[in-house]
Each structure stands twice: as structure tokens, then as C-alpha cells.
C-alpha atoms as a PDB file:
ATOM      1  CA  MET A   1       0.975  -8.502 -99.247  1.00  0.00           C
ATOM      2  CA  GLN A   2       2.904  -6.388-101.755  1.00  0.00           C
ATOM      3  CA  ARG A   3       0.042  -3.925-102.131  1.00  0.00           C
ATOM      4  CA  ARG A   4      -0.368  -3.544 -98.353  1.00  0.00           C
ATOM      5  CA  LEU A   5       3.365  -3.122 -97.942  1.00  0.00           C
ATOM      6  CA  ALA A   6       3.410  -0.344-100.524  1.00  0.00           C
ATOM      7  CA  VAL A   7       0.453   1.392 -98.857  1.00  0.00           C
ATOM      8  CA  LEU A   8       2.046   1.180 -95.415  1.00  0.00           C
ATOM      9  CA  LEU A   9       5.412   2.441 -96.559  1.00  0.00           C
ATOM     10  CA  GLY A  10       3.701   5.243 -98.427  1.00  0.00           C
ATOM     11  CA  ALA A  11       1.833   6.146 -95.249  1.00  0.00           C
ATOM     12  CA  GLY A  12       5.105   6.027 -93.354  1.00  0.00           C
ATOM     13  CA  MET A  13       6.747   8.424 -95.788  1.00  0.00           C
ATOM     14  CA  LEU A  14       3.743  10.741 -95.438  1.00  0.00           C
ATOM     15  CA  LEU A  15       4.078  10.591 -91.656  1.00  0.00           C
ATOM     16  CA  CYS A  16       7.766  11.422 -91.933  1.00  0.00           C
ATOM     17  CA  ALA A  17       7.114  14.306 -94.290  1.00  0.00           C
ATOM     18  CA  THR A  18       4.448  15.651 -91.951  1.00  0.00           C
ATOM     19  CA  GLY A  19       6.816  15.312 -89.001  1.00  0.00           C
ATOM     20  CA  ALA A  20       9.596  17.100 -90.860  1.00  0.00           C
ATOM     21  CA  LYS A  21       7.323  20.042 -91.615  1.00  0.00           C
ATOM     22  CA  ALA A  22       6.021  20.297 -88.031  1.00  0.00           C
ATOM     23  CA  ASP A  23       7.558  22.659 -85.534  1.00  0.00           C
ATOM     24  CA  SER A  24      10.589  21.087 -83.878  1.00  0.00           C
ATOM     25  CA  ASP A  25       9.177  21.664 -80.395  1.00  0.00           C
ATOM     26  CA  LEU A  26       6.155  19.497 -81.291  1.00  0.00           C
ATOM     27  CA  ARG A  27       7.951  16.499 -82.790  1.00  0.00           C
ATOM     28  CA  PRO A  28      11.634  16.501 -81.976  1.00  0.00           C
ATOM     29  CA  SER A  29      13.480  13.325 -82.989  1.00  0.00           C
ATOM     30  CA  GLY A  30      15.825  12.800 -80.064  1.00  0.00           C
ATOM     31  CA  LYS A  31      16.247   9.027 -79.597  1.00  0.00           C
ATOM     32  CA  LEU A  32      19.296   7.101 -80.751  1.00  0.00           C
ATOM     33  CA  LEU A  33      18.940   4.831 -83.764  1.00  0.00           C
ATOM     34  CA  LEU A  34      17.465   1.389 -82.976  1.00  0.00           C
ATOM     35  CA  THR A  35      17.011   2.157 -79.253  1.00  0.00           C
ATOM     36  CA  GLU A  36      13.236   2.416 -79.759  1.00  0.00           C
ATOM     37  CA  GLY A  37      13.236  -1.221 -80.921  1.00  0.00           C
ATOM     38  CA  VAL A  38      11.220  -2.327 -83.931  1.00  0.00           C
ATOM     39  CA  SER A  39       7.534  -3.174 -84.299  1.00  0.00           C
ATOM     40  CA  ASP A  40       6.665  -6.506 -82.717  1.00  0.00           C
ATOM     41  CA  ILE A  41       3.936  -8.742 -84.146  1.00  0.00           C
ATOM     42  CA  GLU A  42       1.347  -7.113 -81.866  1.00  0.00           C
ATOM     43  CA  GLY A  43       2.215  -3.648 -83.213  1.00  0.00           C
ATOM     44  CA  SER A  44       4.046  -2.336 -80.140  1.00  0.00           C
ATOM     45  CA  ALA A  45       7.702  -1.315 -79.894  1.00  0.00           C
ATOM     46  CA  GLY A  46       9.745  -4.423 -79.254  1.00  0.00           C
ATOM     47  CA  GLY A  47      12.087  -6.951 -80.774  1.00  0.00           C
ATOM     48  CA  GLY A  48       9.857  -8.776 -83.246  1.00  0.00           C
ATOM     49  CA  VAL A  49       8.054 -11.468 -81.228  1.00  0.00           C
ATOM     50  CA  ALA A  50       8.804  -9.939 -77.801  1.00  0.00           C
ATOM     51  CA  THR A  51       7.510  -6.679 -76.331  1.00  0.00           C
ATOM     52  CA  TRP A  52       9.926  -4.100 -74.868  1.00  0.00           C
ATOM     53  CA  ALA A  53       9.315  -1.347 -72.330  1.00  0.00           C
ATOM     54  CA  VAL A  54      10.325   1.396 -74.779  1.00  0.00           C
ATOM     55  CA  ILE A  55       7.762   3.696 -76.403  1.00  0.00           C
ATOM     56  CA  GLY A  56       7.452   3.567 -80.198  1.00  0.00           C
ATOM     57  CA  GLY A  57       8.624   6.494 -82.323  1.00  0.00           C
ATOM     58  CA  TYR A  58      11.713   8.682 -82.094  1.00  0.00           C
ATOM     59  CA  GLU A  59       9.994  11.387 -80.031  1.00  0.00           C
ATOM     60  CA  THR A  60      11.351  12.647 -76.726  1.00  0.00           C
ATOM     61  CA  ARG A  61       9.263  13.732 -73.727  1.00  0.00           C
ATOM     62  CA  ASP A  62       8.523  16.962 -75.608  1.00  0.00           C
ATOM     63  CA  GLY A  63       7.059  15.427 -78.755  1.00  0.00           C
ATOM     64  CA  ILE A  64       4.939  12.913 -80.629  1.00  0.00           C
ATOM     65  CA  GLY A  65       6.249  10.133 -82.846  1.00  0.00           C
ATOM     66  CA  ALA A  66       4.690   7.400 -84.984  1.00  0.00           C
ATOM     67  CA  ASN A  67       5.548   4.448 -87.192  1.00  0.00           C
ATOM     68  CA  VAL A  68       3.948   1.881 -89.473  1.00  0.00           C
ATOM     69  CA  HIS A  69       5.177  -1.622 -90.206  1.00  0.00           C
ATOM     70  CA  ALA A  70       4.651  -4.636 -92.438  1.00  0.00           C
ATOM     71  CA  THR A  71       5.908  -8.068 -91.393  1.00  0.00           C
ATOM     72  CA  GLY A  72       5.964 -11.455 -93.089  1.00  0.00           C
ATOM     73  CA  ILE A  73       7.045 -14.866 -91.775  1.00  0.00           C
ATOM     74  CA  GLN A  74       7.343 -17.794 -94.182  1.00  0.00           C
ATOM     75  CA  LEU A  75       7.302 -21.110 -92.314  1.00  0.00           C
ATOM     76  CA  LYS A  76       7.639 -24.674 -93.522  1.00  0.00           C
ATOM     77  CA  ASP A  77       3.869 -25.208 -93.813  1.00  0.00           C
ATOM     78  CA  PHE A  78       2.265 -21.853 -93.010  1.00  0.00           C
ATOM     79  CA  GLN A  79       2.643 -18.124 -93.603  1.00  0.00           C
ATOM     80  CA  PHE A  80       2.171 -15.314 -91.069  1.00  0.00           C
ATOM     81  CA  ARG A  81       1.539 -11.665 -92.016  1.00  0.00           C
ATOM     82  CA  SER A  82       1.146  -8.562 -89.869  1.00  0.00           C
ATOM     83  CA  TRP A  83       0.756  -4.865 -90.552  1.00  0.00           C
ATOM     84  CA  GLY A  84      -0.129  -1.863 -88.433  1.00  0.00           C
ATOM     85  CA  GLY A  85       1.273   1.128 -86.625  1.00  0.00           C
ATOM     86  CA  ALA A  86       1.917   2.859 -83.323  1.00  0.00           C
ATOM     87  CA  VAL A  87       1.902   6.408 -81.974  1.00  0.00           C
ATOM     88  CA  GLY A  88       4.118   7.498 -79.082  1.00  0.00           C
ATOM     89  CA  PHE A  89       3.114  10.494 -76.975  1.00  0.00           C
ATOM     90  CA  TYR A  90       5.894  12.354 -75.150  1.00  0.00           C
ATOM     91  CA  ASP A  91       7.926   9.159 -74.649  1.00  0.00           C
ATOM     92  CA  ARG A  92       5.354   8.174 -72.048  1.00  0.00           C
ATOM     93  CA  VAL A  93       2.302   6.594 -73.684  1.00  0.00           C
ATOM     94  CA  GLU A  94       2.052   4.354 -76.745  1.00  0.00           C
ATOM     95  CA  LEU A  95      -1.102   3.393 -78.649  1.00  0.00           C
ATOM     96  CA  SER A  96      -0.766   0.662 -81.273  1.00  0.00           C
ATOM     97  CA  TYR A  97      -2.708  -1.474 -83.734  1.00  0.00           C
ATOM     98  CA  ALA A  98      -1.831  -4.590 -85.702  1.00  0.00           C
ATOM     99  CA  HIS A  99      -3.765  -6.823 -88.065  1.00  0.00           C
ATOM    100  CA  GLN A 100      -2.467 -10.396 -88.124  1.00  0.00           C
ATOM    101  CA  GLU A 101      -3.127 -13.157 -90.648  1.00  0.00           C
ATOM    102  CA  PHE A 102      -2.124 -16.820 -90.395  1.00  0.00           C
ATOM    103  CA  ASP A 103      -2.405 -18.449 -93.825  1.00  0.00           C
ATOM    104  CA  THR A 104      -2.601 -22.262 -93.810  1.00  0.00           C
ATOM    105  CA  GLN A 105      -1.654 -22.328 -97.527  1.00  0.00           C
ATOM    106  CA  GLY A 106      -1.703 -25.911 -98.900  1.00  0.00           C
ATOM    107  CA  THR A 107      -1.671 -27.312 -95.366  1.00  0.00           C
ATOM    108  CA  GLY A 108      -5.279 -26.171 -95.024  1.00  0.00           C
ATOM    109  CA  LEU A 109      -6.335 -29.134 -97.179  1.00  0.00           C
ATOM    110  CA  LYS A 110      -4.619 -31.576 -94.807  1.00  0.00           C
ATOM    111  CA  LEU A 111      -6.379 -29.939 -91.859  1.00  0.00           C
ATOM    112  CA  GLY A 112      -9.763 -30.189 -93.596  1.00  0.00           C
ATOM    113  CA  LEU A 113     -10.115 -26.397 -93.764  1.00  0.00           C
ATOM    114  CA  GLY A 114      -9.439 -25.832 -97.442  1.00  0.00           C
ATOM    115  CA  ARG A 115      -6.407 -24.517 -99.277  1.00  0.00           C
ATOM    116  CA  GLY A 116      -5.415 -21.037 -98.156  1.00  0.00           C
ATOM    117  CA  PHE A 117      -7.778 -20.971 -95.182  1.00  0.00           C
ATOM    118  CA  THR A 118      -6.673 -17.953 -93.123  1.00  0.00           C
ATOM    119  CA  PHE A 119      -7.064 -17.133 -89.440  1.00  0.00           C
ATOM    120  CA  SER A 120      -6.809 -13.436 -88.622  1.00  0.00           C
ATOM    121  CA  GLN A 121      -7.164 -11.082 -85.679  1.00  0.00           C
ATOM    122  CA  ASP A 122      -6.976  -7.404 -84.799  1.00  0.00           C
ATOM    123  CA  VAL A 123      -4.785  -6.307 -81.898  1.00  0.00           C
ATOM    124  CA  TYR A 124      -5.278  -2.957 -80.124  1.00  0.00           C
ATOM    125  CA  GLY A 125      -2.550  -2.005 -77.665  1.00  0.00           C
ATOM    126  CA  ALA A 126      -1.772   0.568 -74.997  1.00  0.00           C
ATOM    127  CA  LYS A 127       1.507   0.926 -73.097  1.00  0.00           C
ATOM    128  CA  VAL A 128       2.548   3.377 -70.366  1.00  0.00           C
ATOM    129  CA  LYS A 129       6.067   4.011 -69.083  1.00  0.00           C
ATOM    130  CA  VAL A 130       5.967   4.019 -65.285  1.00  0.00           C
ATOM    131  CA  LEU A 131       9.612   4.524 -64.304  1.00  0.00           C
ATOM    132  CA  GLY A 132      13.200   4.716 -65.521  1.00  0.00           C
ATOM    133  CA  ASP A 133      14.707   5.484 -68.912  1.00  0.00           C
ATOM    134  CA  ALA A 134      16.163   2.698 -71.045  1.00  0.00           C
ATOM    135  CA  VAL A 135      18.847   4.884 -72.671  1.00  0.00           C
ATOM    136  CA  TYR A 136      19.578   8.158 -70.930  1.00  0.00           C
ATOM    137  CA  ALA A 137      19.704   6.980 -67.299  1.00  0.00           C
ATOM    138  CA  GLN A 138      23.149   5.431 -67.766  1.00  0.00           C
ATOM    139  CA  ASP A 139      24.177   6.340 -64.218  1.00  0.00           C
ATOM    140  CA  SER A 140      21.386   4.157 -62.795  1.00  0.00           C
ATOM    141  CA  TRP A 141      20.904   0.382 -62.779  1.00  0.00           C
ATOM    142  CA  VAL A 142      17.106   0.848 -62.871  1.00  0.00           C
ATOM    143  CA  PRO A 143      15.658  -0.198 -66.250  1.00  0.00           C
ATOM    144  CA  GLN A 144      12.790   1.449 -68.041  1.00  0.00           C
ATOM    145  CA  VAL A 145       9.598  -0.240 -66.882  1.00  0.00           C
ATOM    146  CA  SER A 146       6.268  -0.100 -68.698  1.00  0.00           C
ATOM    147  CA  VAL A 147       2.886  -1.721 -68.239  1.00  0.00           C
ATOM    148  CA  GLY A 148       0.531  -2.473 -71.076  1.00  0.00           C
ATOM    149  CA  ALA A 149      -2.450  -4.337 -72.447  1.00  0.00           C
ATOM    150  CA  ASN A 150      -3.505  -5.816 -75.782  1.00  0.00           C
ATOM    151  CA  TYR A 151      -7.157  -6.319 -76.693  1.00  0.00           C
ATOM    152  CA  LYS A 152      -7.376  -9.027 -79.374  1.00  0.00           C
ATOM    153  CA  LYS A 153     -10.342 -10.012 -81.555  1.00  0.00           C
ATOM    154  CA  ALA A 154     -10.026 -13.072 -83.786  1.00  0.00           C
ATOM    155  CA  ASP A 155     -12.234 -14.145 -86.678  1.00  0.00           C
ATOM    156  CA  GLN A 156     -13.351 -17.668 -87.668  1.00  0.00           C
ATOM    157  CA  SER A 157     -15.384 -18.114 -84.473  1.00  0.00           C
ATOM    158  CA  ALA A 158     -16.999 -21.368 -85.613  1.00  0.00           C
ATOM    159  CA  VAL A 159     -13.646 -23.021 -86.298  1.00  0.00           C
ATOM    160  CA  LEU A 160     -12.195 -21.721 -83.029  1.00  0.00           C
ATOM    161  CA  ASN A 161     -15.139 -23.180 -81.105  1.00  0.00           C
ATOM    162  CA  PHE A 162     -14.664 -26.508 -82.881  1.00  0.00           C
ATOM    163  CA  LEU A 163     -11.003 -26.500 -81.812  1.00  0.00           C
ATOM    164  CA  GLY A 164     -12.106 -25.995 -78.211  1.00  0.00           C
ATOM    165  CA  ALA A 165     -11.375 -22.293 -77.680  1.00  0.00           C
ATOM    166  CA  ARG A 166     -13.610 -20.607 -75.104  1.00  0.00           C
ATOM    167  CA  ASP A 167     -13.657 -17.143 -76.698  1.00  0.00           C
ATOM    168  CA  ASP A 168     -12.707 -15.361 -79.911  1.00  0.00           C
ATOM    169  CA  SER A 169     -11.529 -12.261 -78.026  1.00  0.00           C
ATOM    170  CA  GLY A 170      -9.406 -11.555 -74.994  1.00  0.00           C
ATOM    171  CA  VAL A 171      -7.039  -9.181 -73.228  1.00  0.00           C
ATOM    172  CA  ASP A 172      -3.341  -9.717 -72.522  1.00  0.00           C
ATOM    173  CA  TRP A 173      -1.732  -7.783 -69.646  1.00  0.00           C
ATOM    174  CA  TYR A 174       2.013  -7.329 -69.349  1.00  0.00           C
ATOM    175  CA  VAL A 175       4.846  -5.596 -67.540  1.00  0.00           C
ATOM    176  CA  ALA A 176       8.144  -5.088 -69.396  1.00  0.00           C
ATOM    177  CA  ALA A 177      11.619  -3.888 -68.402  1.00  0.00           C
ATOM    178  CA  THR A 178      14.290  -2.751 -70.873  1.00  0.00           C
ATOM    179  CA  LYS A 179      17.820  -1.409 -70.391  1.00  0.00           C
ATOM    180  CA  VAL A 180      20.358  -0.155 -72.962  1.00  0.00           C
ATOM    181  CA  TYR A 181      23.992  -0.334 -71.817  1.00  0.00           C
ATOM    182  CA  LEU A 182      25.739   2.127 -74.104  1.00  0.00           C
ATOM    183  CA  ASP A 183      29.280   1.337 -72.908  1.00  0.00           C
ATOM    184  CA  GLN A 184      28.729  -2.337 -73.722  1.00  0.00           C
ATOM    185  CA  SER A 185      26.535  -1.657 -76.796  1.00  0.00           C
ATOM    186  CA  LEU A 186      24.045  -4.072 -75.255  1.00  0.00           C
ATOM    187  CA  VAL A 187      20.246  -4.134 -74.999  1.00  0.00           C
ATOM    188  CA  LEU A 188      18.489  -6.425 -72.523  1.00  0.00           C
ATOM    189  CA  SER A 189      14.724  -6.701 -72.214  1.00  0.00           C
ATOM    190  CA  GLY A 190      12.243  -8.951 -70.464  1.00  0.00           C
ATOM    191  CA  ALA A 191       8.481  -9.049 -70.039  1.00  0.00           C
ATOM    192  CA  VAL A 192       5.904 -11.097 -68.176  1.00  0.00           C
ATOM    193  CA  ARG A 193       2.574 -11.449 -69.973  1.00  0.00           C
ATOM    194  CA  ALA A 194      -0.695 -12.667 -68.407  1.00  0.00           C
ATOM    195  CA  THR A 195      -2.605 -14.285 -71.262  1.00  0.00           C
ATOM    196  CA  LYS A 196      -5.228 -16.818 -72.283  1.00  0.00           C
ATOM    197  CA  ALA A 197      -4.277 -16.568 -75.962  1.00  0.00           C
ATOM    198  CA  ASN A 198      -3.796 -19.632 -78.158  1.00  0.00           C
ATOM    199  CA  GLN A 199      -1.051 -18.954 -80.723  1.00  0.00           C
ATOM    200  CA  THR A 200      -1.111 -15.275 -79.632  1.00  0.00           C
ATOM    201  CA  GLY A 201      -4.914 -15.264 -80.102  1.00  0.00           C
ATOM    202  CA  LEU A 202      -5.149 -16.418 -83.700  1.00  0.00           C
ATOM    203  CA  LEU A 203      -6.692 -19.685 -82.410  1.00  0.00           C
ATOM    204  CA  GLY A 204      -8.859 -17.968 -79.832  1.00  0.00           C
ATOM    205  CA  PHE A 205      -8.572 -17.696 -76.069  1.00  0.00           C
ATOM    206  CA  GLY A 206      -8.744 -20.326 -73.354  1.00  0.00           C
ATOM    207  CA  GLY A 207      -9.624 -23.953 -73.838  1.00  0.00           C
ATOM    208  CA  SER A 208     -12.211 -26.529 -72.916  1.00  0.00           C
ATOM    209  CA  GLY A 209     -10.115 -27.649 -69.960  1.00  0.00           C
ATOM    210  CA  ASN A 210      -8.368 -24.410 -69.045  1.00  0.00           C
ATOM    211  CA  ASP A 211      -9.724 -20.871 -69.143  1.00  0.00           C
ATOM    212  CA  ASN A 212      -7.300 -19.298 -66.673  1.00  0.00           C
ATOM    213  CA  TYR A 213      -4.668 -16.647 -67.251  1.00  0.00           C
ATOM    214  CA  HIS A 214      -1.086 -17.921 -67.599  1.00  0.00           C
ATOM    215  CA  ALA A 215       2.040 -15.923 -66.814  1.00  0.00           C
ATOM    216  CA  GLU A 216       4.364 -16.222 -69.818  1.00  0.00           C
ATOM    217  CA  PHE A 217       7.864 -14.814 -70.387  1.00  0.00           C
ATOM    218  CA  GLU A 218       9.293 -12.798 -73.299  1.00  0.00           C
ATOM    219  CA  GLY A 219      13.006 -11.998 -73.431  1.00  0.00           C
ATOM    220  CA  SER A 220      15.345 -10.213 -75.827  1.00  0.00           C
ATOM    221  CA  ALA A 221      19.079  -9.538 -76.008  1.00  0.00           C
ATOM    222  CA  ALA A 222      20.704  -7.431 -78.733  1.00  0.00           C
ATOM    223  CA  LEU A 223      24.211  -6.249 -79.493  1.00  0.00           C
ATOM    224  CA  LEU A 224      24.613  -2.883 -81.234  1.00  0.00           C
ATOM    225  CA  LEU A 225      27.452  -3.527 -83.663  1.00  0.00           C
ATOM    226  CA  SER A 226      27.200   0.045 -84.938  1.00  0.00           C
ATOM    227  CA  LYS A 227      24.761   2.928 -84.571  1.00  0.00           C
ATOM    228  CA  ARG A 228      22.763   1.490 -87.500  1.00  0.00           C
ATOM    229  CA  PHE A 229      23.136  -2.288 -87.102  1.00  0.00           C
ATOM    230  CA  ALA A 230      22.135  -4.675 -84.324  1.00  0.00           C
ATOM    231  CA  VAL A 231      21.977  -8.452 -83.942  1.00  0.00           C
ATOM    232  CA  GLY A 232      20.224 -10.407 -81.243  1.00  0.00           C
ATOM    233  CA  ALA A 233      17.950 -13.214 -80.117  1.00  0.00           C
ATOM    234  CA  GLU A 234      14.510 -13.567 -78.552  1.00  0.00           C
ATOM    235  CA  TYR A 235      12.506 -16.182 -76.671  1.00  0.00           C
ATOM    236  CA  ARG A 236       8.769 -16.236 -75.938  1.00  0.00           C
ATOM    237  CA  THR A 237       6.943 -18.863 -73.883  1.00  0.00           C
ATOM    238  CA  LYS A 238       3.384 -19.941 -74.725  1.00  0.00           C
ATOM    239  CA  PRO A 239       0.454 -21.512 -72.841  1.00  0.00           C
ATOM    240  CA  ASN A 240      -1.215 -24.819 -73.787  1.00  0.00           C
ATOM    241  CA  ASN A 241      -4.989 -24.511 -73.608  1.00  0.00           C
ATOM    242  CA  LEU A 242      -6.366 -26.490 -76.557  1.00  0.00           C
ATOM    243  CA  GLY A 243      -4.767 -29.891 -76.105  1.00  0.00           C
ATOM    244  CA  LEU A 244      -2.678 -29.178 -79.206  1.00  0.00           C
ATOM    245  CA  LYS A 245       1.015 -28.854 -78.445  1.00  0.00           C
ATOM    246  CA  GLU A 246       2.004 -25.178 -78.497  1.00  0.00           C
ATOM    247  CA  ASP A 247       5.769 -24.725 -78.419  1.00  0.00           C
ATOM    248  CA  ASP A 248       7.723 -21.705 -77.273  1.00  0.00           C
ATOM    249  CA  TRP A 249       9.056 -19.339 -79.942  1.00  0.00           C
ATOM    250  CA  ALA A 250      12.681 -18.378 -80.568  1.00  0.00           C
ATOM    251  CA  THR A 251      14.325 -16.023 -83.065  1.00  0.00           C
ATOM    252  CA  VAL A 252      17.766 -14.843 -84.117  1.00  0.00           C
ATOM    253  CA  PHE A 253      17.574 -11.431 -85.794  1.00  0.00           C
ATOM    254  CA  ALA A 254      19.483  -8.618 -87.452  1.00  0.00           C
ATOM    255  CA  ALA A 255      18.117  -5.051 -87.621  1.00  0.00           C
ATOM    256  CA  PHE A 256      19.429  -2.253 -89.823  1.00  0.00           C
ATOM    257  CA  ALA A 257      18.362   1.396 -89.551  1.00  0.00           C
ATOM    258  CA  ILE A 258      18.740   3.016 -92.958  1.00  0.00           C
ATOM    259  CA  ASN A 259      17.976   6.291 -91.175  1.00  0.00           C
ATOM    260  CA  LYS A 260      15.417   7.509 -88.616  1.00  0.00           C
ATOM    261  CA  THR A 261      12.753   7.103 -91.284  1.00  0.00           C
ATOM    262  CA  LEU A 262      13.248   3.524 -92.451  1.00  0.00           C
ATOM    263  CA  SER A 263      14.519   0.299 -90.880  1.00  0.00           C
ATOM    264  CA  VAL A 264      14.498  -3.356 -91.866  1.00  0.00           C
ATOM    265  CA  THR A 265      14.664  -6.452 -89.659  1.00  0.00           C
ATOM    266  CA  ALA A 266      15.424  -9.977 -90.857  1.00  0.00           C
ATOM    267  CA  ALA A 267      15.381 -13.088 -88.691  1.00  0.00           C
ATOM    268  CA  TYR A 268      15.408 -16.847 -88.513  1.00  0.00           C
ATOM    269  CA  VAL A 269      12.401 -18.002 -86.496  1.00  0.00           C
ATOM    270  CA  ASP A 270      11.632 -21.326 -84.821  1.00  0.00           C
ATOM    271  CA  LEU A 271       7.965 -21.573 -83.838  1.00  0.00           C
ATOM    272  CA  GLY A 272       8.057 -25.287 -83.050  1.00  0.00           C
ATOM    273  CA  GLU A 273       4.922 -27.371 -83.545  1.00  0.00           C
ATOM    274  CA  ILE A 274       1.746 -25.714 -84.835  1.00  0.00           C
ATOM    275  CA  ALA A 275      -1.538 -27.644 -85.240  1.00  0.00           C
ATOM    276  CA  THR A 276       0.335 -31.008 -85.108  1.00  0.00           C
ATOM    277  CA  PHE A 277       2.782 -29.908 -87.836  1.00  0.00           C
ATOM    278  CA  LYS A 278       6.308 -30.004 -86.427  1.00  0.00           C
ATOM    279  CA  HIS A 279       9.450 -27.983 -87.171  1.00  0.00           C
ATOM    280  CA  GLN A 280       7.727 -24.750 -88.157  1.00  0.00           C
ATOM    281  CA  ASN A 281      10.793 -22.620 -88.774  1.00  0.00           C
ATOM    282  CA  GLY A 282      11.619 -20.150 -91.482  1.00  0.00           C
ATOM    283  CA  ALA A 283      12.382 -16.563 -92.458  1.00  0.00           C
ATOM    284  CA  TYR A 284      11.091 -13.327 -90.925  1.00  0.00           C
ATOM    285  CA  LEU A 285      11.200  -9.941 -92.655  1.00  0.00           C
ATOM    286  CA  SER A 286       9.803  -6.659 -91.332  1.00  0.00           C
ATOM    287  CA  LEU A 287       9.909  -3.122 -92.713  1.00  0.00           C
ATOM    288  CA  GLN A 288       9.207  -0.068 -90.570  1.00  0.00           C
ATOM    289  CA  ALA A 289       8.745   3.580 -91.505  1.00  0.00           C
ATOM    290  CA  GLY A 290       8.096   6.520 -89.219  1.00  0.00           C
ATOM    291  CA  PHE A 291       9.525   9.422 -87.256  1.00  0.00           C
END
């Protein structure tokens, strides 16, 4: 984890240096701090576990922006890791990638999988802004609205089949709406996601008794206490396809922008019951670098 974090942050600094040397009309950095969100666990711009309608990077409609991230969540019995990046084109289109790992640690022995058995998946995302502007359309009640998709490919196919998953790959479709109220220093965001994913896809897609898409909700609210510091909460609902109880997720977070190059997000997360192990809560930490 430490080596990957160092590589990602190094790549982020390289991206920032490249952006600083580029002509200002190609990569202008015009967004307000924190209003682009942070990198969610699927690699897109969002609030951590929830996707927002904003486009990643600090570019405006005249430029290109990018970021990389590394995220770790230490739970009571498991550990989650994610790393990846996103590129925003002209504040209109976002392409993203994230690699996720779910480490069973010592709990793997109790599950009969072996100590440190790890589920992982790759997530490829695309998001397009279709109307509104989350920040600069302050004279309008219309939020920024984006539509997007995530293609997810999980490993450990044999284990996923044993658990009852229908597939080891799938596509999530979503529509998200985000609005920043500058006078109130408030950010509100919501999304509806059509998904078959079990534990976001780490445990495959669909189940032996249910292989239909479910409409699930993701919501975020954040208060900008200063131009560099925000606190907030998130909630994400989940489907139940495998016969194993899959609880909704909730977080309380704090995000600090050191500058437009680096930001850090810390959170308390409650992921409920996972694989019959209850009270999976713990600490979330994510670092992001970009321009």
C-alpha cells in the first residue's frame, strides 16, 4: 500500500508539473477548492462512497484536468484499498479508472478462504455532464446533472460462483445531481444507480435467485467551513442478491485541500454486515493529487 501510494502521489506531482508548464489556455485551473469533490471508491469525482455530478479535475470548459488517488479503509475484520485516477475534459466529460482490493486479513481463515485472501476488481468509468453547473449557476435552482456508467471486472471467479454470483463482470448505470450553494457554504448531491453488483462488484454481480438490476440511492451533504475545509456525511444503499445480508453504507467525513494540487479526506465509515461479520466500521483515509 505504501509503495503504491508513493507511486500515485509521484504521478500526481508529475501531472501537476506538466499542467503548470502547459499553456494556460489548454489547462486553466478555474474551479473553487473542494467543489470538484474528491475521488470516490470507483475512481470518479464524488464524496468518497457516493458519486457526484461534478467532473474531476480543476479544469474549466476551456481545459483538461486530471487527478490520481489512493484510498484505504480499515474495518473491524477486513481492509479495503483503492487506487486510480480520472481525467476531465472541458468540464464536460470524465474518464476514470480504479483498482479495488478487499483483503479478508485473518478473517479469511474463519471463512475457509485462507489468511489474507483478497478479492479485487477493476472499475472503468465514464461520466458526461448533460445540464446545469453545480457552482457558477448560482442564480438558478437547477443542479448540475450528469449521467455515467462503470464497467467492473472482478477476479476470483471460482469463489464468486461458489457464493452464488451469476457473473464476475457487470455495468452500473447512474444519473447524479449536485448543487453548491455558495451563500450557505453547502453542497448537496444525490444519485440513482442501476446495479447488479454485490458489495460494489467485489463479490460479483447478480445472484442465484436474482439477476435483475436494482435502483439504489447515493446521497451526500457537505458544509464548507472554509475555502480549504469541508465536513459532511454520505449514505449509499445496496442490493441483496446473494442471500448474505448486505447493509447500506454510511460515512461522516472531513476533507482538507492543502492547495489545488493535494487534498486529504478522512472519515468514519459504517459498512454494516459483510459476509456474516457484523459491525464493520472503521477509519477511511484518501489522498488525492492532480490539477
